[in-house]
Amino acid sequence: MATVCFDFDSTLIDRESLDVILARRLGADEEAAARVRAITDLGMAGQFSFRESMELRLAIAKPSRDLVEAFGAEAVGHLTPGITELIGSLAAGVWIVSGGIEEALFPVAAHLGVPRERVLGTRVEWTAAGEFAGLVRCGPKSEAVGAVCRSWSRPRIGVGDGMSDYALLEAGCLDHFVAYTQHARREPVVATGVPEATNVSELQYLLGRLT
């Protein structure tokens, strides 16, 4: 049985979860918001690793668990049109692998019928009061994620919009990758020459060919 691995941000949903969560946490604090944006830009330019970028931004904003879970609850209302039906129709094993914080991913996974054990996101350590205390596991490039991906049934197909998603193909964890560009078209990803889907109908067609 094939395995299809979906990214979360700008793929399953129409926005970037961490951007929304951090913006809400920082509110009117323009100085902190500017620092977070600068780190984001440096990370995208390759000056920081994904983990370094996450640690620095989360250390500044310090989002609470309640805030992350609140985003997760509302994210069900921001699902990509048609994605629920597509995932329901797949005979393949479906996983969600993302740089997003797991508590933001779980409600969407439950809505889509994807069990928690098939959700691999950024795992955060919380204090007893529910405040950010550090990172346990960070995003698609973590060693733990790589080990799980290599155990999947083949063909192993990734669907996402970012280079951190595409990196799983480069690492040999995937056999195929589809760039999902309906919400965000990242030129470095498209430039790799992988198949591109601009909506769920095109994605369904490509998955049918690859599986």
Protein backbone atom coordinates (compact mmCIF):
# COMPACT_ATOMS: atom_id res chain seq x y z
CA MET A 1 0.00 0.00 0.00
CA ALA A 2 1.30 3.44 -0.91
CA THR A 3 2.01 6.16 1.65
CA VAL A 4 1.06 9.80 1.11
CA CYS A 5 2.65 12.37 3.40
CA PHE A 6 0.98 15.80 3.54
CA ASP A 7 2.45 19.06 4.77
CA PHE A 8 0.11 21.10 6.96
CA ASP A 9 0.70 24.83 6.39
CA SER A 10 -0.34 26.19 2.98
CA THR A 11 -1.20 22.63 1.95
CA LEU A 12 -3.89 21.05 4.15
CA ILE A 13 -4.87 24.54 5.33
CA ASP A 14 -4.75 27.87 3.53
CA ARG A 15 -2.37 29.67 5.92
CA GLU A 16 0.85 29.39 7.92
CA SER A 17 0.01 28.34 11.47
CA LEU A 18 3.14 29.66 13.17
CA ASP A 19 2.83 33.08 11.53
CA VAL A 20 -0.72 33.44 12.83
CA ILE A 21 0.10 32.13 16.31
CA LEU A 22 3.13 34.36 16.77
CA ALA A 23 1.32 37.43 15.44
CA ARG A 24 -1.46 36.92 17.96
CA ARG A 25 0.99 36.40 20.79
CA LEU A 26 3.02 39.51 20.00
CA GLY A 27 0.02 41.75 19.34
CA ALA A 28 1.11 45.39 19.21
CA ASP A 29 4.73 44.68 20.17
CA GLU A 30 6.23 45.93 16.91
CA GLU A 31 9.83 45.60 18.06
CA ALA A 32 9.44 41.88 18.86
CA ALA A 33 7.45 41.32 15.68
CA ALA A 34 10.26 42.91 13.64
CA ARG A 35 12.82 40.61 15.29
CA VAL A 36 10.70 37.57 14.48
CA ARG A 37 10.32 38.67 10.84
CA ALA A 38 14.07 39.21 10.54
CA ILE A 39 14.77 35.70 11.84
CA THR A 40 12.19 34.26 9.44
CA ASP A 41 13.84 36.04 6.51
CA LEU A 42 17.32 34.92 7.54
CA GLY A 43 16.10 31.35 7.87
CA MET A 44 14.57 31.40 4.39
CA ALA A 45 17.89 32.77 3.10
CA GLY A 46 19.72 29.84 4.64
CA GLN A 47 21.40 31.76 7.47
CA PHE A 48 19.66 29.63 10.11
CA SER A 49 18.64 25.98 10.12
CA PHE A 50 14.93 25.25 10.46
CA ARG A 51 15.42 24.29 14.10
CA GLU A 52 17.49 27.40 14.87
CA SER A 53 14.86 29.62 13.27
CA MET A 54 12.07 27.93 15.23
CA GLU A 55 13.94 28.13 18.54
CA LEU A 56 14.78 31.80 18.12
CA ARG A 57 11.28 32.85 17.09
CA LEU A 58 9.54 30.81 19.78
CA ALA A 59 11.96 32.11 22.43
CA ILE A 60 10.97 35.68 21.53
CA ALA A 61 7.22 35.16 21.26
CA LYS A 62 6.79 32.38 23.86
CA PRO A 63 3.35 31.24 22.67
CA SER A 64 1.16 29.50 25.21
CA ARG A 65 -0.28 26.04 24.76
CA ASP A 66 -3.78 27.53 24.98
CA LEU A 67 -3.03 29.87 22.06
CA VAL A 68 -1.67 27.03 19.91
CA GLU A 69 -4.64 24.79 20.70
CA ALA A 70 -7.06 27.63 19.93
CA PHE A 71 -5.52 27.99 16.48
CA GLY A 72 -5.82 24.24 15.94
CA ALA A 73 -9.52 24.33 16.77
CA GLU A 74 -10.19 27.08 14.24
CA ALA A 75 -7.86 25.67 11.57
CA VAL A 76 -10.55 23.13 10.63
CA GLY A 77 -12.40 26.10 9.16
CA HIS A 78 -9.41 26.90 6.93
CA LEU A 79 -8.99 23.54 5.22
CA THR A 80 -8.08 23.60 1.55
CA PRO A 81 -11.29 23.10 -0.45
CA GLY A 82 -11.70 19.45 -1.39
CA ILE A 83 -8.89 18.11 0.79
CA THR A 84 -11.25 16.31 3.18
CA GLU A 85 -12.83 14.38 0.32
CA LEU A 86 -9.44 13.62 -1.25
CA ILE A 87 -7.97 12.16 1.92
CA GLY A 88 -11.15 10.18 2.53
CA SER A 89 -10.83 8.65 -0.93
CA LEU A 90 -7.20 7.58 -0.62
CA ALA A 91 -6.51 3.90 -0.17
CA ALA A 92 -2.95 4.88 0.76
CA GLY A 93 -1.71 5.32 4.29
CA VAL A 94 -1.91 9.05 5.06
CA TRP A 95 0.53 10.91 7.31
CA ILE A 96 0.89 14.58 8.24
CA VAL A 97 4.49 15.80 8.52
CA SER A 98 4.99 19.48 9.27
CA GLY A 99 7.09 22.12 10.96
CA GLY A 100 3.92 23.30 12.69
CA ILE A 101 3.44 22.76 16.41
CA GLU A 102 1.67 19.45 17.01
CA GLU A 103 -1.12 20.87 19.16
CA ALA A 104 -2.13 23.01 16.17
CA LEU A 105 -2.14 19.96 13.89
CA PHE A 106 -4.11 17.46 15.97
CA PRO A 107 -7.65 18.91 15.51
CA VAL A 108 -7.26 18.98 11.72
CA ALA A 109 -5.84 15.46 11.74
CA ALA A 110 -8.82 14.23 13.77
CA HIS A 111 -11.24 15.93 11.36
CA LEU A 112 -9.51 14.23 8.42
CA GLY A 113 -9.45 10.84 10.11
CA VAL A 114 -5.67 10.75 10.50
CA PRO A 115 -4.69 9.19 13.87
CA ARG A 116 -2.29 11.08 16.14
CA GLU A 117 0.40 8.47 15.72
CA ARG A 118 0.55 9.46 12.04
CA VAL A 119 1.12 13.14 12.83
CA LEU A 120 4.74 14.30 13.00
CA GLY A 121 5.09 17.98 13.80
CA THR A 122 7.22 20.20 15.96
CA ARG A 123 6.94 18.94 19.52
CA VAL A 124 7.15 21.63 22.18
CA GLU A 125 7.94 21.27 25.86
CA TRP A 126 5.39 23.16 27.97
CA THR A 127 5.62 24.27 31.57
CA ALA A 128 2.96 23.15 34.05
CA ALA A 129 1.26 26.49 33.40
CA GLY A 130 1.20 25.83 29.65
CA GLU A 131 3.98 28.25 28.69
CA PHE A 132 6.67 27.56 26.07
CA ALA A 133 9.74 25.91 27.62
CA GLY A 134 11.68 24.58 24.63
CA LEU A 135 11.71 22.22 21.65
CA VAL A 136 11.65 18.45 21.86
CA ARG A 137 11.46 17.65 18.13
CA CYS A 138 11.52 20.12 15.30
CA GLY A 139 9.94 19.73 11.91
CA PRO A 140 10.39 17.46 8.88
CA LYS A 141 14.20 17.42 9.02
CA SER A 142 14.47 15.93 12.50
CA GLU A 143 16.20 12.54 12.81
CA ALA A 144 13.11 11.01 14.42
CA VAL A 145 10.97 11.99 11.43
CA GLY A 146 13.53 10.62 8.98
CA ALA A 147 13.60 7.27 10.76
CA VAL A 148 9.80 6.93 10.63
CA CYS A 149 9.58 7.98 6.97
CA ARG A 150 11.99 5.28 5.86
CA SER A 151 9.71 2.63 7.35
CA TRP A 152 6.69 3.64 5.25
CA SER A 153 5.19 1.41 2.56
CA ARG A 154 6.18 2.26 -1.01
CA PRO A 155 5.66 4.21 -3.10
CA ARG A 156 6.17 7.05 -0.59
CA ILE A 157 4.77 10.34 -1.88
CA GLY A 158 5.17 13.76 -0.28
CA VAL A 159 2.86 16.74 -0.87
CA GLY A 160 3.86 20.21 0.28
CA ASP A 161 4.82 23.76 -0.60
CA GLY A 162 8.21 24.28 1.06
CA MET A 163 11.82 23.25 0.73
CA SER A 164 11.70 21.66 4.20
CA ASP A 165 9.02 19.32 2.78
CA TYR A 166 11.00 18.67 -0.40
CA ALA A 167 14.05 17.88 1.74
CA LEU A 168 12.47 14.54 2.63
CA LEU A 169 12.79 13.54 -1.03
CA GLU A 170 16.42 14.65 -1.11
CA ALA A 171 17.07 12.62 2.05
CA GLY A 172 15.72 9.46 0.43
CA CYS A 173 12.64 9.31 2.68
CA LEU A 174 10.28 9.74 -0.29
CA ASP A 175 10.05 8.27 -3.77
CA HIS A 176 8.06 11.16 -5.26
CA PHE A 177 7.15 14.72 -4.32
CA VAL A 178 4.31 16.96 -5.51
CA ALA A 179 4.62 20.73 -5.07
CA TYR A 180 1.26 22.04 -3.85
CA THR A 181 1.05 25.66 -4.98
CA GLN A 182 -2.57 26.74 -4.49
CA HIS A 183 -1.79 28.90 -1.45
CA ALA A 184 1.94 29.58 -1.80
CA ARG A 185 4.17 29.03 -4.82
CA ARG A 186 7.78 28.73 -3.65
CA GLU A 187 10.11 29.20 -6.61
CA PRO A 188 12.96 27.04 -5.21
CA VAL A 189 10.55 24.10 -4.91
CA VAL A 190 9.03 24.52 -8.37
CA ALA A 191 12.52 24.94 -9.84
CA THR A 192 13.40 21.37 -8.82
CA GLY A 193 11.14 20.15 -11.62
CA VAL A 194 8.81 18.08 -9.44
CA PRO A 195 5.14 17.80 -10.52
CA GLU A 196 3.02 20.77 -9.49
CA ALA A 197 -0.62 20.82 -8.38
CA THR A 198 -2.43 24.15 -8.16
CA ASN A 199 -5.62 22.68 -6.67
CA VAL A 200 -6.98 19.46 -5.17
CA SER A 201 -8.31 18.15 -8.50
CA GLU A 202 -4.84 18.33 -10.03
CA LEU A 203 -3.37 16.76 -6.90
CA GLN A 204 -5.82 13.88 -7.06
CA TYR A 205 -4.88 13.22 -10.68
CA LEU A 206 -1.14 13.24 -9.89
CA LEU A 207 -1.54 10.96 -6.89
CA GLY A 208 -3.53 8.57 -9.04
CA ARG A 209 -0.63 8.37 -11.47
CA LEU A 210 2.02 7.98 -8.75
CA THR A 211 0.24 5.34 -6.72
